[in-house]
């Protein structure tokens, strides 16, 4: 009897081990021009259509099962998680529309129509970029991510259109990629503060924790400024671990982000300026993403006039050289795929991602695999690099021919 009971308990334990999976929640973040019930329902209905198709595309791909789901260690949760921030800008947009109504009697019909269209499409994108508005959005998103993490779930963020601003700002402000010892060693602060930080090590933290903990603030011109008064600084610094726990995203809570229909580059072009100090922190964020095994994907339809490529795809070695960072055992990847055919007119392409859910889902899975292989499959990487070289040679030859034609 004891042997039978022992055998039963052993089988039960093995079954529990087999079925103990970590859930992955897909959090979908809305874009611009989403301020009323109609746009909310359009977004939610679109996600409810996309999510099961996307889940199926992930799960039926053998390599995704190996790389992303770790051969059954993870499972994608059945229900999508909706994060909707569009209603927060509603009062501001109503004010803009009142001003539009004043101009209606004074403007030609066509001019008014274009003005109204621009206000509807761009208002939220501009609204959410303002720091005090973005901070409200990020606080709520962080609460949601923490809630999923406490349930035992990891998270993938999906940013649609201006939702890509939110995913980027969330990683930049809430991801704990700042090693304080290294950070203060490279900052223009006095030696007493540098020595105090070395003698009192803290866990990795995030930009938001530095601000919330009254240690440093980001100025309008993109500089991180610290309290010059030593005693006040030390008092705030001593409490930083507590603030980090409250404000930053939990370590290992996020597996990656997917931005689609993304105009991120259009609105964040200042990050290309080497004199913009926050560019330095973006490099630290990139280093963290790659070394922690996270992914950052951009998927755009080629017909989408608001889908801007993030950058040319670069190998880890190229990113290390350009960003001047040292990568130790990278496992993550960043990849842009803005060449997906939606087979929709450019007029409708930006809003067609739900009606073409199967095309989008396949594109996201393909982009994940392309991104991984581009970094970690030497054969695939060489094919891409050869193609890139061919395109450069072709461009140079065409330029030479045009120059000769002008000379003749």
Protein backbone atom coordinates (compact mmCIF):
# COMPACT_ATOMS: atom_id res chain seq x y z
CA UNK A 1 0.00 0.00 0.00
CA UNK A 2 2.85 2.37 0.91
CA UNK A 3 4.56 1.61 -2.42
CA UNK A 4 1.37 2.39 -4.34
CA UNK A 5 0.91 5.65 -2.43
CA UNK A 6 4.55 6.60 -3.06
CA UNK A 7 4.18 5.84 -6.77
CA UNK A 8 1.00 7.95 -6.93
CA UNK A 9 2.73 10.92 -5.26
CA UNK A 10 5.71 10.61 -7.62
CA UNK A 11 3.48 10.65 -10.71
CA UNK A 12 1.52 13.59 -9.30
CA UNK A 13 4.75 15.52 -8.66
CA UNK A 14 5.99 14.86 -12.20
CA UNK A 15 2.69 15.99 -13.68
CA UNK A 16 2.79 19.17 -11.62
CA UNK A 17 6.33 19.84 -12.87
CA UNK A 18 5.35 19.24 -16.48
CA UNK A 19 2.34 21.51 -16.37
CA UNK A 20 3.93 24.30 -14.29
CA UNK A 21 4.22 26.87 -17.06
CA UNK A 22 4.87 30.58 -16.91
CA UNK A 23 2.15 32.60 -18.62
CA UNK A 24 2.94 35.33 -21.13
CA UNK A 25 0.44 38.19 -21.32
CA UNK A 26 0.27 40.23 -24.51
CA UNK A 27 -0.55 43.84 -23.53
CA UNK A 28 -1.92 45.88 -26.43
CA UNK A 29 -1.55 49.68 -26.31
CA UNK A 30 -3.72 51.97 -28.45
CA UNK A 31 -2.57 54.75 -30.76
CA UNK A 32 -3.68 58.26 -31.63
CA UNK A 33 -7.20 59.43 -32.46
CA UNK A 34 -8.81 57.13 -29.87
CA UNK A 35 -10.87 59.35 -27.59
CA UNK A 36 -14.44 58.09 -27.65
CA UNK A 37 -16.49 54.91 -27.30
CA UNK A 38 -16.47 54.28 -31.04
CA UNK A 39 -12.67 54.34 -31.32
CA UNK A 40 -12.33 52.33 -28.10
CA UNK A 41 -14.62 49.62 -29.45
CA UNK A 42 -12.76 49.65 -32.78
CA UNK A 43 -9.48 49.06 -30.94
CA UNK A 44 -10.79 46.38 -28.58
CA UNK A 45 -12.63 44.51 -31.37
CA UNK A 46 -9.49 44.64 -33.47
CA UNK A 47 -7.35 43.19 -30.67
CA UNK A 48 -9.90 40.47 -29.93
CA UNK A 49 -9.68 39.49 -33.59
CA UNK A 50 -5.87 39.68 -33.75
CA UNK A 51 -4.92 38.01 -30.47
CA UNK A 52 -6.13 34.42 -31.07
CA UNK A 53 -4.64 34.47 -34.58
CA UNK A 54 -1.32 35.79 -33.26
CA UNK A 55 -1.29 33.24 -30.44
CA UNK A 56 -1.93 30.43 -32.92
CA UNK A 57 0.84 31.64 -35.27
CA UNK A 58 3.31 31.69 -32.38
CA UNK A 59 2.34 28.29 -31.04
CA UNK A 60 2.31 26.37 -34.32
CA UNK A 61 5.83 27.45 -35.29
CA UNK A 62 8.42 24.93 -34.10
CA UNK A 63 11.27 27.44 -33.85
CA UNK A 64 9.11 29.92 -31.93
CA UNK A 65 8.31 27.09 -29.52
CA UNK A 66 12.02 26.53 -29.07
CA UNK A 67 13.23 30.15 -28.88
CA UNK A 68 10.31 32.07 -27.40
CA UNK A 69 8.24 29.50 -25.51
CA UNK A 70 11.31 27.48 -24.46
CA UNK A 71 9.79 24.11 -25.40
CA UNK A 72 6.75 24.43 -23.15
CA UNK A 73 8.28 26.41 -20.30
CA UNK A 74 6.08 29.36 -21.31
CA UNK A 75 2.55 29.59 -22.64
CA UNK A 76 0.74 32.55 -24.19
CA UNK A 77 -2.34 33.46 -22.19
CA UNK A 78 -5.68 33.08 -23.95
CA UNK A 79 -7.03 36.54 -23.18
CA UNK A 80 -5.46 39.74 -24.51
CA UNK A 81 -4.73 42.52 -22.01
CA UNK A 82 -5.94 45.93 -23.17
CA UNK A 83 -4.20 49.12 -22.09
CA UNK A 84 -6.20 52.09 -23.32
CA UNK A 85 -4.95 55.62 -22.68
CA UNK A 86 -6.84 57.56 -25.39
CA UNK A 87 -9.64 58.72 -23.08
CA UNK A 88 -7.14 60.68 -20.97
CA UNK A 89 -6.71 63.29 -23.69
CA UNK A 90 -10.44 63.71 -24.36
CA UNK A 91 -10.89 67.00 -22.47
CA UNK A 92 -7.89 68.53 -24.21
CA UNK A 93 -9.19 67.47 -27.62
CA UNK A 94 -12.62 68.96 -26.86
CA UNK A 95 -10.89 72.28 -26.21
CA UNK A 96 -9.11 72.04 -29.58
CA UNK A 97 -12.40 71.25 -31.33
CA UNK A 98 -14.04 74.31 -29.77
CA UNK A 99 -11.27 76.45 -31.21
CA UNK A 100 -11.81 74.73 -34.57
CA UNK A 101 -15.49 75.63 -34.45
CA UNK A 102 -14.53 79.30 -34.07
CA UNK A 103 -12.42 79.11 -37.23
CA UNK A 104 -15.09 77.26 -39.24
CA UNK A 105 -16.92 80.43 -40.25
CA UNK A 106 -13.66 82.13 -41.21
CA UNK A 107 -11.97 79.37 -43.25
CA UNK A 108 -12.59 77.82 -46.66
CA UNK A 109 -14.28 74.43 -46.37
CA UNK A 110 -11.24 72.49 -47.60
CA UNK A 111 -8.84 74.28 -45.24
CA UNK A 112 -11.17 73.63 -42.30
CA UNK A 113 -11.56 69.96 -43.23
CA UNK A 114 -7.79 69.42 -43.41
CA UNK A 115 -7.34 71.28 -40.10
CA UNK A 116 -9.99 69.09 -38.46
CA UNK A 117 -8.38 65.92 -39.81
CA UNK A 118 -4.93 66.91 -38.56
CA UNK A 119 -6.31 67.78 -35.12
CA UNK A 120 -8.05 64.40 -34.84
CA UNK A 121 -5.10 62.34 -36.06
CA UNK A 122 -2.17 64.14 -34.43
CA UNK A 123 -3.56 65.60 -31.22
CA UNK A 124 -3.11 62.47 -29.08
CA UNK A 125 0.37 61.80 -30.45
CA UNK A 126 1.43 65.30 -29.44
CA UNK A 127 -0.47 65.16 -26.14
CA UNK A 128 1.14 61.93 -24.96
CA UNK A 129 4.65 63.19 -25.73
CA UNK A 130 4.34 65.90 -23.10
CA UNK A 131 6.11 64.74 -19.96
CA UNK A 132 3.32 65.36 -17.44
CA UNK A 133 0.85 63.47 -19.65
CA UNK A 134 3.22 60.62 -20.46
CA UNK A 135 4.03 60.12 -16.77
CA UNK A 136 0.35 59.48 -15.99
CA UNK A 137 0.16 56.92 -18.78
CA UNK A 138 3.39 55.20 -17.73
CA UNK A 139 2.29 55.00 -14.10
CA UNK A 140 -0.88 53.14 -15.06
CA UNK A 141 0.98 50.87 -17.48
CA UNK A 142 3.53 50.04 -14.79
CA UNK A 143 0.72 49.14 -12.39
CA UNK A 144 -0.68 46.80 -15.04
CA UNK A 145 2.70 45.17 -15.74
CA UNK A 146 3.27 44.67 -12.01
CA UNK A 147 -0.19 43.15 -11.66
CA UNK A 148 0.55 40.64 -14.42
CA UNK A 149 3.94 39.87 -12.88
CA UNK A 150 2.38 39.24 -9.47
CA UNK A 151 0.05 36.74 -11.15
CA UNK A 152 3.14 34.88 -12.37
CA UNK A 153 3.00 36.22 -15.93
CA UNK A 154 5.69 37.71 -18.13
CA UNK A 155 4.68 40.46 -20.52
CA UNK A 156 5.10 41.43 -24.18
CA UNK A 157 4.05 44.99 -25.01
CA UNK A 158 2.39 45.68 -28.36
CA UNK A 159 2.34 49.37 -29.30
CA UNK A 160 0.04 50.36 -32.16
CA UNK A 161 0.87 53.66 -33.91
CA UNK A 162 1.43 56.31 -31.18
CA UNK A 163 1.30 53.42 -28.72
CA UNK A 164 4.91 52.87 -29.81
CA UNK A 165 5.74 56.14 -28.00
CA UNK A 166 4.39 54.57 -24.82
CA UNK A 167 6.36 51.33 -25.20
CA UNK A 168 9.58 53.26 -25.86
CA UNK A 169 9.06 55.70 -22.99
CA UNK A 170 8.14 52.84 -20.67
CA UNK A 171 11.38 51.00 -21.37
CA UNK A 172 13.43 54.19 -21.23
CA UNK A 173 11.96 55.46 -17.95
CA UNK A 174 10.96 52.30 -16.07
CA UNK A 175 13.47 49.62 -17.11
CA UNK A 176 16.17 49.08 -14.44
CA UNK A 177 19.17 49.40 -16.75
CA UNK A 178 21.13 51.93 -14.65
CA UNK A 179 24.08 50.54 -12.71
CA UNK A 180 24.65 53.36 -10.22
CA UNK A 181 28.36 52.77 -9.68
CA UNK A 182 29.04 52.95 -13.42
CA UNK A 183 26.57 55.79 -13.89
CA UNK A 184 28.10 58.13 -11.31
CA UNK A 185 31.61 57.29 -12.41
CA UNK A 186 30.75 58.87 -15.77
CA UNK A 187 28.79 61.85 -14.43
CA UNK A 188 30.07 65.34 -13.72
CA UNK A 189 29.58 65.18 -9.93
CA UNK A 190 32.08 65.75 -7.13
CA UNK A 191 34.31 62.98 -5.76
CA UNK A 192 32.49 62.86 -2.41
CA UNK A 193 29.28 61.78 -4.13
CA UNK A 194 31.13 59.28 -6.35
CA UNK A 195 32.82 57.75 -3.31
CA UNK A 196 29.56 57.61 -1.36
CA UNK A 197 27.88 55.71 -4.21
CA UNK A 198 30.79 53.25 -4.35
CA UNK A 199 30.71 52.68 -0.59
CA UNK A 200 26.92 52.20 -0.52
CA UNK A 201 26.03 49.97 -3.47
CA UNK A 202 22.40 49.81 -4.58
CA UNK A 203 20.47 47.57 -6.96
CA UNK A 204 20.06 48.59 -10.59
CA UNK A 205 17.48 51.34 -10.98
CA UNK A 206 15.62 53.33 -13.62
CA UNK A 207 15.35 56.95 -14.74
CA UNK A 208 11.90 57.31 -13.13
CA UNK A 209 13.25 56.20 -9.74
CA UNK A 210 15.98 58.85 -9.85
CA UNK A 211 13.31 61.48 -10.43
CA UNK A 212 10.76 60.09 -8.00
CA UNK A 213 13.46 59.67 -5.33
CA UNK A 214 14.53 63.32 -5.75
CA UNK A 215 18.03 62.30 -6.79
CA UNK A 216 18.01 63.56 -10.36
CA UNK A 217 15.66 65.10 -12.92
CA UNK A 218 15.64 65.16 -16.71
CA UNK A 219 15.76 68.75 -17.95
CA UNK A 220 14.00 70.10 -21.03
CA UNK A 221 17.23 69.89 -23.05
CA UNK A 222 17.68 66.20 -22.25
CA UNK A 223 20.20 66.43 -19.41
CA UNK A 224 20.06 64.40 -16.20
CA UNK A 225 20.64 66.87 -13.34
CA UNK A 226 21.46 65.85 -9.76
CA UNK A 227 20.99 67.56 -6.41
CA UNK A 228 24.30 69.33 -5.72
CA UNK A 229 23.67 69.48 -1.95
CA UNK A 230 25.52 66.44 -0.58
CA UNK A 231 23.48 65.79 2.56
CA UNK A 232 20.17 65.94 0.70
CA UNK A 233 21.60 63.73 -2.03
CA UNK A 234 22.83 61.12 0.48
CA UNK A 235 19.49 61.04 2.28
CA UNK A 236 17.60 60.45 -0.98
CA UNK A 237 20.19 57.96 -2.20
CA UNK A 238 19.88 55.83 0.96
CA UNK A 239 16.17 55.30 0.20
CA UNK A 240 16.66 54.55 -3.48
CA UNK A 241 16.16 50.76 -3.32
CA UNK A 242 12.69 51.30 -1.86
CA UNK A 243 11.82 53.81 -4.58
CA UNK A 244 13.19 51.45 -7.25
CA UNK A 245 10.86 48.72 -5.99
CA UNK A 246 7.89 51.09 -6.21
CA UNK A 247 8.61 52.85 -9.49
CA UNK A 248 10.63 50.62 -11.84
CA UNK A 249 9.31 47.62 -13.71
CA UNK A 250 10.19 44.35 -11.95
CA UNK A 251 13.34 42.63 -13.20
CA UNK A 252 12.53 39.90 -15.75
CA UNK A 253 8.88 41.00 -16.05
CA UNK A 254 9.09 41.89 -19.74
CA UNK A 255 10.21 39.61 -22.54
CA UNK A 256 10.07 42.23 -25.29
CA UNK A 257 8.08 44.79 -27.26
CA UNK A 258 6.49 44.84 -30.70
CA UNK A 259 5.72 48.21 -32.28
CA UNK A 260 3.56 48.25 -35.41
CA UNK A 261 2.24 51.05 -37.63
CA UNK A 262 4.92 53.01 -35.80
CA UNK A 263 5.78 56.69 -36.45
CA UNK A 264 8.32 56.65 -33.57
CA UNK A 265 11.22 58.01 -35.62
CA UNK A 266 9.15 60.95 -36.87
CA UNK A 267 8.41 62.15 -33.31
CA UNK A 268 11.72 61.15 -31.65
CA UNK A 269 14.26 62.22 -34.26
CA UNK A 270 16.27 64.18 -31.66
CA UNK A 271 17.64 60.86 -30.38
CA UNK A 272 19.90 60.85 -33.44
CA UNK A 273 21.66 63.98 -32.10
CA UNK A 274 24.95 62.91 -30.45
CA UNK A 275 24.88 66.07 -28.31
CA UNK A 276 21.50 65.14 -26.83
CA UNK A 277 22.46 63.69 -23.44
CA UNK A 278 19.57 61.22 -23.27
CA UNK A 279 21.15 59.46 -26.26
CA UNK A 280 23.73 58.17 -23.76
CA UNK A 281 21.01 56.55 -21.65
CA UNK A 282 19.43 55.02 -24.74
CA UNK A 283 22.74 53.25 -25.31
CA UNK A 284 22.62 51.85 -21.79
CA UNK A 285 19.03 50.73 -22.42
CA UNK A 286 20.07 49.03 -25.67
CA UNK A 287 22.90 47.25 -23.89
CA UNK A 288 20.47 46.01 -21.21
CA UNK A 289 17.97 44.74 -23.80
CA UNK A 290 20.60 42.76 -25.69
CA UNK A 291 22.34 41.29 -22.65
CA UNK A 292 19.12 40.36 -20.85
CA UNK A 293 17.74 38.47 -23.86
CA UNK A 294 14.86 40.85 -24.63
CA UNK A 295 13.61 41.76 -28.10
CA UNK A 296 12.46 44.98 -29.74
CA UNK A 297 10.59 44.47 -33.01
CA UNK A 298 9.16 47.03 -35.42
CA UNK A 299 6.61 45.78 -37.97
CA UNK A 300 5.14 48.16 -40.54
CA UNK A 301 3.16 47.75 -43.73
CA UNK A 302 5.07 49.18 -46.66
CA UNK A 303 1.93 50.99 -47.84
CA UNK A 304 1.46 52.66 -44.44
CA UNK A 305 2.46 56.35 -44.76
CA UNK A 306 2.86 56.60 -40.97
CA UNK A 307 4.90 53.41 -40.60
CA UNK A 308 8.47 54.66 -40.34
CA UNK A 309 11.41 52.22 -40.28
CA UNK A 310 13.25 52.53 -36.97
CA UNK A 311 16.71 52.11 -38.48
CA UNK A 312 18.78 49.92 -40.74
CA UNK A 313 19.16 46.50 -39.13
CA UNK A 314 22.60 46.24 -37.54
CA UNK A 315 24.53 43.30 -36.16
CA UNK A 316 25.51 43.31 -32.50
CA UNK A 317 29.10 44.08 -33.51
CA UNK A 318 27.95 47.05 -35.58
CA UNK A 319 25.74 48.34 -32.75
CA UNK A 320 28.64 47.96 -30.30
CA UNK A 321 30.89 50.06 -32.52
CA UNK A 322 28.34 52.75 -33.36
CA UNK A 323 26.93 53.07 -29.84
CA UNK A 324 30.34 52.60 -28.23
CA UNK A 325 29.10 49.92 -25.84
CA UNK A 326 30.69 46.64 -24.77
CA UNK A 327 28.33 43.69 -25.04
CA UNK A 328 28.94 40.68 -22.81
CA UNK A 329 27.20 37.51 -23.98
CA UNK A 330 24.27 39.19 -25.80
CA UNK A 331 21.11 37.13 -26.16
CA UNK A 332 18.51 39.71 -27.23
CA UNK A 333 17.90 41.44 -30.55
CA UNK A 334 16.45 44.53 -32.18
CA UNK A 335 14.97 44.20 -35.66
CA UNK A 336 12.90 46.27 -38.07
CA UNK A 337 10.67 44.81 -40.77
CA UNK A 338 8.88 47.61 -42.63
CA UNK A 339 8.48 45.70 -45.89
CA UNK A 340 5.23 43.80 -45.23
CA UNK A 341 2.65 43.90 -48.02
CA UNK A 342 -0.80 44.67 -46.60
CA UNK A 343 -2.38 44.74 -50.08
CA UNK A 344 -4.28 47.83 -49.01
CA UNK A 345 -4.30 51.34 -50.44
CA UNK A 346 -1.96 53.80 -48.69
CA UNK A 347 -5.08 55.73 -47.68
CA UNK A 348 -6.34 52.83 -45.54
CA UNK A 349 -3.10 50.99 -44.72
CA UNK A 350 -2.54 52.63 -41.31
CA UNK A 351 -5.92 51.45 -40.01
CA UNK A 352 -5.90 48.07 -41.77
CA UNK A 353 -3.82 46.11 -39.23
CA UNK A 354 -6.96 44.59 -37.65
CA UNK A 355 -8.68 43.74 -40.93
CA UNK A 356 -5.46 42.00 -42.03
CA UNK A 357 -4.86 40.24 -38.71
CA UNK A 358 -3.53 37.04 -40.27
CA UNK A 359 -1.02 38.98 -42.40
CA UNK A 360 0.10 40.96 -39.35
CA UNK A 361 0.38 37.89 -37.11
CA UNK A 362 2.51 36.04 -39.66
CA UNK A 363 4.66 39.15 -40.11
CA UNK A 364 5.31 39.44 -36.35
CA UNK A 365 6.35 35.78 -36.10
CA UNK A 366 8.55 36.10 -39.19
CA UNK A 367 10.13 39.30 -37.85
CA UNK A 368 10.92 37.62 -34.53
CA UNK A 369 12.70 34.78 -36.32
CA UNK A 370 14.46 37.12 -38.75
CA UNK A 371 15.64 39.25 -35.83
CA UNK A 372 17.02 36.28 -33.95
CA UNK A 373 18.68 34.70 -36.98
CA UNK A 374 20.18 38.00 -38.10
CA UNK A 375 22.10 38.17 -34.82
CA UNK A 376 22.77 34.53 -34.04
CA UNK A 377 22.72 32.52 -37.27
CA UNK A 378 25.99 33.26 -39.13
CA UNK A 379 24.69 31.90 -42.44
CA UNK A 380 21.51 34.01 -42.37
CA UNK A 381 23.46 37.05 -41.21
CA UNK A 382 25.91 36.73 -44.09
CA UNK A 383 23.08 36.54 -46.62
CA UNK A 384 21.64 39.80 -45.29
CA UNK A 385 25.04 41.48 -45.20
CA UNK A 386 25.78 40.34 -48.76
CA UNK A 387 22.41 41.69 -49.88
CA UNK A 388 23.17 44.98 -48.13
CA UNK A 389 26.55 45.15 -49.88
CA UNK A 390 24.91 44.42 -53.23
CA UNK A 391 22.40 47.21 -52.72
CA UNK A 392 25.20 49.62 -51.83
CA UNK A 393 27.20 48.65 -54.93
CA UNK A 394 24.07 49.02 -57.08
CA UNK A 395 23.42 52.47 -55.60
CA UNK A 396 27.03 53.55 -56.17
CA UNK A 397 26.93 52.35 -59.80
CA UNK A 398 23.67 54.24 -60.43
CA UNK A 399 25.17 57.36 -58.89
CA UNK A 400 28.27 57.06 -61.12
CA UNK A 401 26.09 56.64 -64.22
CA UNK A 402 24.05 59.73 -63.37
CA UNK A 403 27.23 61.70 -62.82
CA UNK A 404 28.61 60.61 -66.22
CA UNK A 405 25.32 61.51 -67.90
CA UNK A 406 25.48 65.01 -66.46
CA UNK A 407 29.11 65.34 -67.59
CA UNK A 408 28.23 64.28 -71.13
